[in-house]
Amino acid sequence: MSDDPQKRIYLAGILLLAVTLIGTAGYYLLGQFAQPDPPWLLGDSFYMTIITLTTVGFGEVIDLSVVPGSRLFTIFILFSGLGIAAYFVSTLTAFLVEGELTNVFWRKRMERQISKLAGHIILCGATRVGVGYYVFKELQLTGASFVLIDSDIKLIKNLQRQFGNFPSVIGDATHADFLQSAGVKKAKSVISALDDDKDNLCVVVTCKQFNPLIKLFSSCSDSEFISKLELLGAEVVMPNSIGGLRIASQIVRPRVVRYLDVMMRDKDCVVRIEDITISKKSPLTGQKVGDISFPDFTQLLILALIRSDNPSIIYNPKRSMIIEAGDTIVLQADVESLKRFRKYNG
C-alpha cells in the first residue's frame, strides 16, 4: 500500500466508485432481464446500491424477492463494498485530522516562496548525522537565501519549528523534479551533502544539465569520487579529512582552534570570515585599503586581498594599496557589518 496519503485516498475513491458502478449496473441488468415489466429504473438501482453500501436500512425500493439471485448479489455488494467504504472514510479522516491537508497547504506555501527566489543556494540533505546539518545551521545563522531539499518531512518540520519557516522541498534530491522545484535554473549554487557519494555525483550531474553555469559543492567520503566530481566542476570537501586536520591542529595550535570555534559559535556577536569581490561600480574602486571607513563597519578587519589577474594571496595588505575592480577582499566582520559592506560595494 502506498505511503502517500493522497494516493491512498485516490485508490480508495476509485475502488468505492467501481463498487458503486458495479452495483448500479448489476441491479439494473437484473431488473431488465429478470423483471422486465416493470423494469427497475437506473435511479432506483443506484439508490439501492448506496443504501446497501452505507447500511442505512431505509428499506428496499425495488422488490428483490421476485428476482432470483438479486439478494445474493446484494450480499456480494454489501461485503465487498462495506470494507472499501470504511477504508475510504478512515483514510479521508486521517488525511483531515492528522494534518495531511495542512501538509498540502504547506507545500503550496513553500512553492510560492521558492518561486520568488533567484540567485539562491540549494542545500541537498540536512540529516543530523551528516555534514548538511551544519551547513544548514550556518546558512540560517548568516541569513543566506537558500532552499533545503530533504526526503524526511519530520526533519524539515522540526528544523522549521526550531529555526523558522525557511523554503524547503520534500523529496529525493537525486531526482530532477525536486531540483527543479527548488529553482535550480535560477540558483547560484548547489551544495550536495548527501550520505552516499553516488547520490552526490548524481545531484552534480543533474544540476549541470539544468544550469551549466551553476557553482557546485559536494561532500565526499570516498577519495575515488573526488576526480569524478571535480571533472564536473564541483568543489569537493571531505569531512573526514577536515576532521583529521582539525584534531591535529587542536593538538598543535589549540588557541587558534579555540578562537575559530568561539567565532563560529558566539551567538551574541556572529563574526565570520568571508570574501567579497569588488564590482566595477563599487565606490571602493580606486581607493586605498586604509580609506575604508572602518567605524561604519563594526569589527571589520581586512585579512587578505586577491587580484583577479594573480591567484597569489596578498596577506595583510598595506593600507596604501589601491583597490581595483575585480579584487577579492578576504575580511573578518560581524554579520551585520558584512551585509552593509556588501550593499556599499554594490
Foldseek 3Di string as FASTA:
>chain_A
DDPQLVVLLVVLVVQLVVLLVCQLVVQQVLQVPQPVVVGDDSVLSSVLLVCLQVVPPPDRPDDPVSGPPSVVVSVVSNVSRNVSVVSNVVSVCCCPVVCVVVVVVLVVVLLVVLVPDFQAEEEEDQDPVWPSVVVVVLCLLLVGQYEYEEQDPVVVVVVCVVRNDHRYFHDQLLDLVRCVSNPLLRYQEYEYTDPDLVSLLSNLVSSCVNHVRHAYEYEDQDPVCPVVSVVSVYHYDHVVVVVVVLVVCCVVPVVVSVVVVCQCPVPVFNKDKDKDAQAPPAPLAFAFQLPPDDVLFDPKDFAWKAAQVHRDIGGPDDRRDGDHHGMMTTIMGTSVSVVVVNVNSD
